[in-house]
């Protein structure tokens, strides 16, 4: 499969705490990739760091997928910050 998905990227996104990183991870896990034949992802935690490993069929697919991930993470961070203010 790695020959079919030659474009790879690992993102490490730090959070203030491991519980915050875990909230983001658990929120992202149910979202499956729309084209599993063109992109795969593995999400995990390294303490308070969310690790996202992606493999994709093209650089364009990888870029679009990473943009979607970053949009989701930004929204989740805003939600976490908003809940802390309550």
PDB file of N, CA and C in Angstrom:
ATOM      1  N   UNK A   1       0.814  -1.193   0.000  1.00  0.00           N
ATOM      2  CA  UNK A   1       0.000   0.000   0.000  1.00  0.00           C
ATOM      3  C   UNK A   1       0.859   1.260   0.000  1.00  0.00           C
ATOM      4  N   UNK A   2       2.033   1.236   0.609  1.00  0.00           N
ATOM      5  CA  UNK A   2       2.870   2.423   0.667  1.00  0.00           C
ATOM      6  C   UNK A   2       3.311   2.871  -0.725  1.00  0.00           C
ATOM      7  N   UNK A   3       3.393   1.940  -1.685  1.00  0.00           N
ATOM      8  CA  UNK A   3       3.746   2.320  -3.044  1.00  0.00           C
ATOM      9  C   UNK A   3       2.603   3.093  -3.690  1.00  0.00           C
ATOM     10  N   UNK A   4       1.367   2.796  -3.316  1.00  0.00           N
ATOM     11  CA  UNK A   4       0.218   3.503  -3.859  1.00  0.00           C
ATOM     12  C   UNK A   4       0.008   4.842  -3.157  1.00  0.00           C
ATOM     13  N   UNK A   5       0.546   4.984  -1.953  1.00  0.00           N
ATOM     14  CA  UNK A   5       0.388   6.209  -1.172  1.00  0.00           C
ATOM     15  C   UNK A   5       1.776   6.761  -0.807  1.00  0.00           C
ATOM     16  N   UNK A   6       2.485   7.299  -1.807  1.00  0.00           N
ATOM     17  CA  UNK A   6       3.885   7.676  -1.585  1.00  0.00           C
ATOM     18  C   UNK A   6       4.098   9.005  -0.852  1.00  0.00           C
ATOM     19  N   UNK A   7       3.070   9.836  -0.768  1.00  0.00           N
ATOM     20  CA  UNK A   7       3.223  11.139  -0.130  1.00  0.00           C
ATOM     21  C   UNK A   7       2.901  11.005   1.350  1.00  0.00           C
ATOM     22  N   UNK A   8       3.858  11.401   2.195  1.00  0.00           N
ATOM     23  CA  UNK A   8       3.716  11.183   3.627  1.00  0.00           C
ATOM     24  C   UNK A   8       3.982  12.470   4.395  1.00  0.00           C
ATOM     25  N   UNK A   9       3.272  12.600   5.514  1.00  0.00           N
ATOM     26  CA  UNK A   9       3.481  13.746   6.392  1.00  0.00           C
ATOM     27  C   UNK A   9       3.122  13.339   7.808  1.00  0.00           C
ATOM     28  N   UNK A  10       3.955  13.745   8.747  1.00  0.00           N
ATOM     29  CA  UNK A  10       3.650  13.569  10.167  1.00  0.00           C
ATOM     30  C   UNK A  10       3.564  14.949  10.791  1.00  0.00           C
ATOM     31  N   UNK A  11       2.433  15.222  11.429  1.00  0.00           N
ATOM     32  CA  UNK A  11       2.240  16.472  12.156  1.00  0.00           C
ATOM     33  C   UNK A  11       2.263  16.173  13.640  1.00  0.00           C
ATOM     34  N   UNK A  12       2.924  17.025  14.398  1.00  0.00           N
ATOM     35  CA  UNK A  12       2.902  16.930  15.855  1.00  0.00           C
ATOM     36  C   UNK A  12       2.366  18.256  16.372  1.00  0.00           C
ATOM     37  N   UNK A  13       1.195  18.186  17.002  1.00  0.00           N
ATOM     38  CA  UNK A  13       0.504  19.389  17.457  1.00  0.00           C
ATOM     39  C   UNK A  13       0.493  19.385  18.982  1.00  0.00           C
ATOM     40  N   UNK A  14       1.219  20.327  19.612  1.00  0.00           N
ATOM     41  CA  UNK A  14       1.276  20.354  21.075  1.00  0.00           C
ATOM     42  C   UNK A  14       0.040  21.027  21.684  1.00  0.00           C
ATOM     43  N   UNK A  15      -0.350  20.527  22.850  1.00  0.00           N
ATOM     44  CA  UNK A  15      -1.457  21.094  23.614  1.00  0.00           C
ATOM     45  C   UNK A  15      -0.962  21.442  25.012  1.00  0.00           C
ATOM     46  N   UNK A  16      -1.767  22.234  25.718  1.00  0.00           N
ATOM     47  CA  UNK A  16      -1.395  22.638  27.075  1.00  0.00           C
ATOM     48  C   UNK A  16      -1.318  21.458  28.031  1.00  0.00           C
ATOM     49  N   UNK A  17      -2.138  20.438  27.774  1.00  0.00           N
ATOM     50  CA  UNK A  17      -2.173  19.289  28.673  1.00  0.00           C
ATOM     51  C   UNK A  17      -2.556  18.035  27.898  1.00  0.00           C
ATOM     52  N   UNK A  18      -2.242  16.890  28.484  1.00  0.00           N
ATOM     53  CA  UNK A  18      -2.627  15.627  27.864  1.00  0.00           C
ATOM     54  C   UNK A  18      -4.147  15.467  27.794  1.00  0.00           C
ATOM     55  N   UNK A  19      -4.911  15.891  28.831  1.00  0.00           N
ATOM     56  CA  UNK A  19      -6.374  15.797  28.701  1.00  0.00           C
ATOM     57  C   UNK A  19      -6.915  16.602  27.513  1.00  0.00           C
ATOM     58  N   UNK A  20      -6.357  17.787  27.267  1.00  0.00           N
ATOM     59  CA  UNK A  20      -6.807  18.571  26.105  1.00  0.00           C
ATOM     60  C   UNK A  20      -6.482  17.836  24.808  1.00  0.00           C
ATOM     61  N   UNK A  21      -5.286  17.296  24.711  1.00  0.00           N
ATOM     62  CA  UNK A  21      -4.901  16.544  23.511  1.00  0.00           C
ATOM     63  C   UNK A  21      -5.809  15.336  23.328  1.00  0.00           C
ATOM     64  N   UNK A  22      -6.171  14.687  24.427  1.00  0.00           N
ATOM     65  CA  UNK A  22      -7.038  13.514  24.348  1.00  0.00           C
ATOM     66  C   UNK A  22      -8.448  13.885  23.895  1.00  0.00           C
ATOM     67  N   UNK A  23      -8.962  15.026  24.335  1.00  0.00           N
ATOM     68  CA  UNK A  23     -10.282  15.488  23.880  1.00  0.00           C
ATOM     69  C   UNK A  23     -10.266  15.678  22.369  1.00  0.00           C
ATOM     70  N   UNK A  24      -9.221  16.295  21.860  1.00  0.00           N
ATOM     71  CA  UNK A  24      -9.112  16.514  20.416  1.00  0.00           C
ATOM     72  C   UNK A  24      -8.998  15.174  19.687  1.00  0.00           C
ATOM     73  N   UNK A  25      -8.160  14.294  20.186  1.00  0.00           N
ATOM     74  CA  UNK A  25      -8.002  12.971  19.565  1.00  0.00           C
ATOM     75  C   UNK A  25      -9.331  12.229  19.520  1.00  0.00           C
ATOM     76  N   UNK A  26     -10.030  12.159  20.642  1.00  0.00           N
ATOM     77  CA  UNK A  26     -11.295  11.423  20.697  1.00  0.00           C
ATOM     78  C   UNK A  26     -12.360  12.060  19.805  1.00  0.00           C
ATOM     79  N   UNK A  27     -12.271  13.371  19.616  1.00  0.00           N
ATOM     80  CA  UNK A  27     -13.221  14.058  18.731  1.00  0.00           C
ATOM     81  C   UNK A  27     -12.924  13.791  17.262  1.00  0.00           C
ATOM     82  N   UNK A  28     -11.663  13.590  16.928  1.00  0.00           N
ATOM     83  CA  UNK A  28     -11.274  13.361  15.533  1.00  0.00           C
ATOM     84  C   UNK A  28     -11.408  11.903  15.103  1.00  0.00           C
ATOM     85  N   UNK A  29     -11.274  10.973  16.035  1.00  0.00           N
ATOM     86  CA  UNK A  29     -11.266   9.549  15.672  1.00  0.00           C
ATOM     87  C   UNK A  29     -12.508   9.079  14.915  1.00  0.00           C
ATOM     88  N   UNK A  30     -13.715   9.529  15.271  1.00  0.00           N
ATOM     89  CA  UNK A  30     -14.889   9.036  14.526  1.00  0.00           C
ATOM     90  C   UNK A  30     -14.941   9.485  13.068  1.00  0.00           C
ATOM     91  N   UNK A  31     -14.239  10.568  12.731  1.00  0.00           N
ATOM     92  CA  UNK A  31     -14.248  11.078  11.356  1.00  0.00           C
ATOM     93  C   UNK A  31     -13.339  10.222  10.485  1.00  0.00           C
ATOM     94  N   UNK A  32     -13.937   9.451   9.619  1.00  0.00           N
ATOM     95  CA  UNK A  32     -13.164   8.600   8.708  1.00  0.00           C
ATOM     96  C   UNK A  32     -12.814   9.385   7.450  1.00  0.00           C
ATOM     97  N   UNK A  33     -11.740   8.987   6.815  1.00  0.00           N
ATOM     98  CA  UNK A  33     -11.353   9.614   5.551  1.00  0.00           C
ATOM     99  C   UNK A  33     -12.375   9.252   4.477  1.00  0.00           C
ATOM    100  N   UNK A  34     -12.731  10.227   3.649  1.00  0.00           N
ATOM    101  CA  UNK A  34     -13.746  10.000   2.621  1.00  0.00           C
ATOM    102  C   UNK A  34     -13.243   9.096   1.502  1.00  0.00           C
ATOM    103  N   UNK A  35     -11.947   9.098   1.261  1.00  0.00           N
ATOM    104  CA  UNK A  35     -11.358   8.272   0.196  1.00  0.00           C
ATOM    105  C   UNK A  35     -10.219   7.430   0.770  1.00  0.00           C
ATOM    106  N   UNK A  36     -10.555   6.355   1.464  1.00  0.00           N
ATOM    107  CA  UNK A  36      -9.501   5.547   2.086  1.00  0.00           C
ATOM    108  C   UNK A  36      -8.539   4.913   1.083  1.00  0.00           C
ATOM    109  N   UNK A  37      -8.942   4.839  -0.177  1.00  0.00           N
ATOM    110  CA  UNK A  37      -8.027   4.325  -1.197  1.00  0.00           C
ATOM    111  C   UNK A  37      -6.977   5.373  -1.586  1.00  0.00           C
ATOM    112  N   UNK A  38      -7.222   6.645  -1.212  1.00  0.00           N
ATOM    113  CA  UNK A  38      -6.300   7.717  -1.587  1.00  0.00           C
ATOM    114  C   UNK A  38      -5.555   8.336  -0.411  1.00  0.00           C
ATOM    115  N   UNK A  39      -6.042   8.093   0.796  1.00  0.00           N
ATOM    116  CA  UNK A  39      -5.375   8.673   1.966  1.00  0.00           C
ATOM    117  C   UNK A  39      -5.639   7.815   3.198  1.00  0.00           C
ATOM    118  N   UNK A  40      -4.601   7.658   4.001  1.00  0.00           N
ATOM    119  CA  UNK A  40      -4.752   6.978   5.288  1.00  0.00           C
ATOM    120  C   UNK A  40      -4.179   7.879   6.368  1.00  0.00           C
ATOM    121  N   UNK A  41      -4.699   7.708   7.575  1.00  0.00           N
ATOM    122  CA  UNK A  41      -4.172   8.471   8.695  1.00  0.00           C
ATOM    123  C   UNK A  41      -4.131   7.597   9.931  1.00  0.00           C
ATOM    124  N   UNK A  42      -3.175   7.899  10.769  1.00  0.00           N
ATOM    125  CA  UNK A  42      -3.069   7.280  12.083  1.00  0.00           C
ATOM    126  C   UNK A  42      -2.913   8.423  13.075  1.00  0.00           C
ATOM    127  N   UNK A  43      -3.852   8.512  14.008  1.00  0.00           N
ATOM    128  CA  UNK A  43      -3.806   9.540  15.039  1.00  0.00           C
ATOM    129  C   UNK A  43      -3.411   8.892  16.357  1.00  0.00           C
ATOM    130  N   UNK A  44      -2.538   9.563  17.095  1.00  0.00           N
ATOM    131  CA  UNK A  44      -2.109   9.038  18.389  1.00  0.00           C
ATOM    132  C   UNK A  44      -1.654  10.198  19.272  1.00  0.00           C
ATOM    133  N   UNK A  45      -1.348   9.868  20.518  1.00  0.00           N
ATOM    134  CA  UNK A  45      -0.842  10.859  21.458  1.00  0.00           C
ATOM    135  C   UNK A  45       0.552  10.477  21.920  1.00  0.00           C
ATOM    136  N   UNK A  46       1.368  11.495  22.107  1.00  0.00           N
ATOM    137  CA  UNK A  46       2.655  11.369  22.790  1.00  0.00           C
ATOM    138  C   UNK A  46       2.606  12.377  23.928  1.00  0.00           C
ATOM    139  N   UNK A  47       2.008  11.966  25.037  1.00  0.00           N
ATOM    140  CA  UNK A  47       1.783  12.902  26.137  1.00  0.00           C
ATOM    141  C   UNK A  47       0.794  13.961  25.686  1.00  0.00           C
ATOM    142  N   UNK A  48       1.152  15.259  25.824  1.00  0.00           N
ATOM    143  CA  UNK A  48       0.234  16.322  25.411  1.00  0.00           C
ATOM    144  C   UNK A  48       0.343  16.690  23.927  1.00  0.00           C
ATOM    145  N   UNK A  49       0.936  15.809  23.133  1.00  0.00           N
ATOM    146  CA  UNK A  49       1.143  16.086  21.704  1.00  0.00           C
ATOM    147  C   UNK A  49       0.285  15.142  20.872  1.00  0.00           C
ATOM    148  N   UNK A  50      -0.551  15.732  20.014  1.00  0.00           N
ATOM    149  CA  UNK A  50      -1.329  14.956  19.052  1.00  0.00           C
ATOM    150  C   UNK A  50      -0.434  14.677  17.850  1.00  0.00           C
ATOM    151  N   UNK A  51      -0.315  13.404  17.497  1.00  0.00           N
ATOM    152  CA  UNK A  51       0.511  13.000  16.356  1.00  0.00           C
ATOM    153  C   UNK A  51      -0.416  12.496  15.255  1.00  0.00           C
ATOM    154  N   UNK A  52      -0.287  13.084  14.074  1.00  0.00           N
ATOM    155  CA  UNK A  52      -1.097  12.695  12.919  1.00  0.00           C
ATOM    156  C   UNK A  52      -0.157  12.247  11.806  1.00  0.00           C
ATOM    157  N   UNK A  53      -0.210  10.957  11.486  1.00  0.00           N
ATOM    158  CA  UNK A  53       0.594  10.390  10.402  1.00  0.00           C
ATOM    159  C   UNK A  53      -0.306  10.165   9.193  1.00  0.00           C
ATOM    160  N   UNK A  54       0.037  10.804   8.086  1.00  0.00           N
ATOM    161  CA  UNK A  54      -0.754  10.691   6.864  1.00  0.00           C
ATOM    162  C   UNK A  54       0.071  10.101   5.734  1.00  0.00           C
ATOM    163  N   UNK A  55      -0.600   9.316   4.892  1.00  0.00           N
ATOM    164  CA  UNK A  55      -0.055   8.838   3.621  1.00  0.00           C
ATOM    165  C   UNK A  55      -1.118   9.108   2.569  1.00  0.00           C
ATOM    166  N   UNK A  56      -0.696   9.595   1.406  1.00  0.00           N
ATOM    167  CA  UNK A  56      -1.669   9.954   0.377  1.00  0.00           C
ATOM    168  C   UNK A  56      -1.161   9.590  -1.012  1.00  0.00           C
ATOM    169  N   UNK A  57      -2.105   9.501  -1.934  1.00  0.00           N
ATOM    170  CA  UNK A  57      -1.796   9.134  -3.312  1.00  0.00           C
ATOM    171  C   UNK A  57      -1.172  10.292  -4.092  1.00  0.00           C
ATOM    172  N   UNK A  58      -1.452  11.536  -3.675  1.00  0.00           N
ATOM    173  CA  UNK A  58      -0.896  12.691  -4.381  1.00  0.00           C
ATOM    174  C   UNK A  58      -0.654  13.820  -3.389  1.00  0.00           C
ATOM    175  N   UNK A  59       0.163  14.780  -3.809  1.00  0.00           N
ATOM    176  CA  UNK A  59       0.418  15.926  -2.943  1.00  0.00           C
ATOM    177  C   UNK A  59      -0.844  16.757  -2.734  1.00  0.00           C
ATOM    178  N   UNK A  60      -1.689  16.827  -3.736  1.00  0.00           N
ATOM    179  CA  UNK A  60      -2.941  17.574  -3.616  1.00  0.00           C
ATOM    180  C   UNK A  60      -3.862  16.943  -2.580  1.00  0.00           C
ATOM    181  N   UNK A  61      -4.027  15.634  -2.634  1.00  0.00           N
ATOM    182  CA  UNK A  61      -4.880  14.933  -1.667  1.00  0.00           C
ATOM    183  C   UNK A  61      -4.328  15.134  -0.258  1.00  0.00           C
ATOM    184  N   UNK A  62      -3.017  15.062  -0.113  1.00  0.00           N
ATOM    185  CA  UNK A  62      -2.396  15.255   1.192  1.00  0.00           C
ATOM    186  C   UNK A  62      -2.663  16.667   1.707  1.00  0.00           C
ATOM    187  N   UNK A  63      -2.504  17.662   0.857  1.00  0.00           N
ATOM    188  CA  UNK A  63      -2.731  19.059   1.256  1.00  0.00           C
ATOM    189  C   UNK A  63      -4.168  19.289   1.690  1.00  0.00           C
ATOM    190  N   UNK A  64      -5.122  18.809   0.905  1.00  0.00           N
ATOM    191  CA  UNK A  64      -6.538  18.999   1.226  1.00  0.00           C
ATOM    192  C   UNK A  64      -6.883  18.314   2.548  1.00  0.00           C
ATOM    193  N   UNK A  65      -6.354  17.124   2.741  1.00  0.00           N
ATOM    194  CA  UNK A  65      -6.623  16.370   3.961  1.00  0.00           C
ATOM    195  C   UNK A  65      -6.033  17.061   5.183  1.00  0.00           C
ATOM    196  N   UNK A  66      -4.813  17.552   5.067  1.00  0.00           N
ATOM    197  CA  UNK A  66      -4.169  18.248   6.186  1.00  0.00           C
ATOM    198  C   UNK A  66      -4.908  19.542   6.499  1.00  0.00           C
ATOM    199  N   UNK A  67      -5.342  20.262   5.474  1.00  0.00           N
ATOM    200  CA  UNK A  67      -6.126  21.480   5.710  1.00  0.00           C
ATOM    201  C   UNK A  67      -7.391  21.174   6.497  1.00  0.00           C
ATOM    202  N   UNK A  68      -8.071  20.095   6.152  1.00  0.00           N
ATOM    203  CA  UNK A  68      -9.289  19.708   6.871  1.00  0.00           C
ATOM    204  C   UNK A  68      -8.970  19.365   8.325  1.00  0.00           C
ATOM    205  N   UNK A  69      -7.876  18.643   8.550  1.00  0.00           N
ATOM    206  CA  UNK A  69      -7.474  18.312   9.920  1.00  0.00           C
ATOM    207  C   UNK A  69      -7.203  19.581  10.720  1.00  0.00           C
ATOM    208  N   UNK A  70      -6.438  20.501  10.151  1.00  0.00           N
ATOM    209  CA  UNK A  70      -6.095  21.723  10.869  1.00  0.00           C
ATOM    210  C   UNK A  70      -7.328  22.576  11.153  1.00  0.00           C
ATOM    211  N   UNK A  71      -8.281  22.624  10.230  1.00  0.00           N
ATOM    212  CA  UNK A  71      -9.540  23.328  10.482  1.00  0.00           C
ATOM    213  C   UNK A  71     -10.278  22.702  11.658  1.00  0.00           C
ATOM    214  N   UNK A  72     -10.335  21.382  11.695  1.00  0.00           N
ATOM    215  CA  UNK A  72     -11.018  20.684  12.787  1.00  0.00           C
ATOM    216  C   UNK A  72     -10.313  20.924  14.116  1.00  0.00           C
ATOM    217  N   UNK A  73      -9.001  20.846  14.116  1.00  0.00           N
ATOM    218  CA  UNK A  73      -8.240  21.075  15.349  1.00  0.00           C
ATOM    219  C   UNK A  73      -8.455  22.504  15.841  1.00  0.00           C
ATOM    220  N   UNK A  74      -8.439  23.478  14.947  1.00  0.00           N
ATOM    221  CA  UNK A  74      -8.658  24.873  15.338  1.00  0.00           C
ATOM    222  C   UNK A  74     -10.032  25.050  15.976  1.00  0.00           C
ATOM    223  N   UNK A  75     -11.054  24.433  15.395  1.00  0.00           N
ATOM    224  CA  UNK A  75     -12.400  24.528  15.949  1.00  0.00           C
ATOM    225  C   UNK A  75     -12.459  23.889  17.337  1.00  0.00           C
ATOM    226  N   UNK A  76     -11.819  22.739  17.499  1.00  0.00           N
ATOM    227  CA  UNK A  76     -11.821  22.053  18.789  1.00  0.00           C
ATOM    228  C   UNK A  76     -11.068  22.850  19.849  1.00  0.00           C
ATOM    229  N   UNK A  77      -9.966  23.480  19.481  1.00  0.00           N
ATOM    230  CA  UNK A  77      -9.218  24.309  20.427  1.00  0.00           C
ATOM    231  C   UNK A  77     -10.074  25.489  20.877  1.00  0.00           C
ATOM    232  N   UNK A  78     -10.790  26.110  19.951  1.00  0.00           N
ATOM    233  CA  UNK A  78     -11.691  27.207  20.316  1.00  0.00           C
ATOM    234  C   UNK A  78     -12.760  26.729  21.284  1.00  0.00           C
ATOM    235  N   UNK A  79     -13.305  25.548  21.048  1.00  0.00           N
ATOM    236  CA  UNK A  79     -14.331  24.998  21.942  1.00  0.00           C
ATOM    237  C   UNK A  79     -13.755  24.726  23.330  1.00  0.00           C
ATOM    238  N   UNK A  80     -12.575  24.140  23.386  1.00  0.00           N
ATOM    239  CA  UNK A  80     -11.932  23.869  24.680  1.00  0.00           C
ATOM    240  C   UNK A  80     -11.680  25.178  25.420  1.00  0.00           C
ATOM    241  N   UNK A  81     -11.142  26.172  24.719  1.00  0.00           N
ATOM    242  CA  UNK A  81     -10.879  27.471  25.344  1.00  0.00           C
ATOM    243  C   UNK A  81     -12.169  28.110  25.842  1.00  0.00           C
ATOM    244  N   UNK A  82     -13.236  28.008  25.054  1.00  0.00           N
ATOM    245  CA  UNK A  82     -14.517  28.577  25.456  1.00  0.00           C
ATOM    246  C   UNK A  82     -15.091  27.903  26.691  1.00  0.00           C
ATOM    247  N   UNK A  83     -14.929  26.605  26.786  1.00  0.00           N
ATOM    248  CA  UNK A  83     -15.448  25.874  27.943  1.00  0.00           C
ATOM    249  C   UNK A  83     -14.644  26.171  29.203  1.00  0.00           C
ATOM    250  N   UNK A  84     -13.376  26.466  29.052  1.00  0.00           N
ATOM    251  CA  UNK A  84     -12.562  26.803  30.221  1.00  0.00           C
ATOM    252  C   UNK A  84     -12.969  28.138  30.820  1.00  0.00           C
ATOM    253  N   UNK A  85     -13.552  29.016  30.018  1.00  0.00           N
ATOM    254  CA  UNK A  85     -13.970  30.333  30.500  1.00  0.00           C
ATOM    255  C   UNK A  85     -15.276  30.282  31.276  1.00  0.00           C
ATOM    256  N   UNK A  86     -15.963  29.146  31.228  1.00  0.00           N
ATOM    257  CA  UNK A  86     -17.266  29.040  31.905  1.00  0.00           C
ATOM    258  C   UNK A  86     -17.064  28.815  33.383  1.00  0.00           C
TER     259      UNK A  86
END
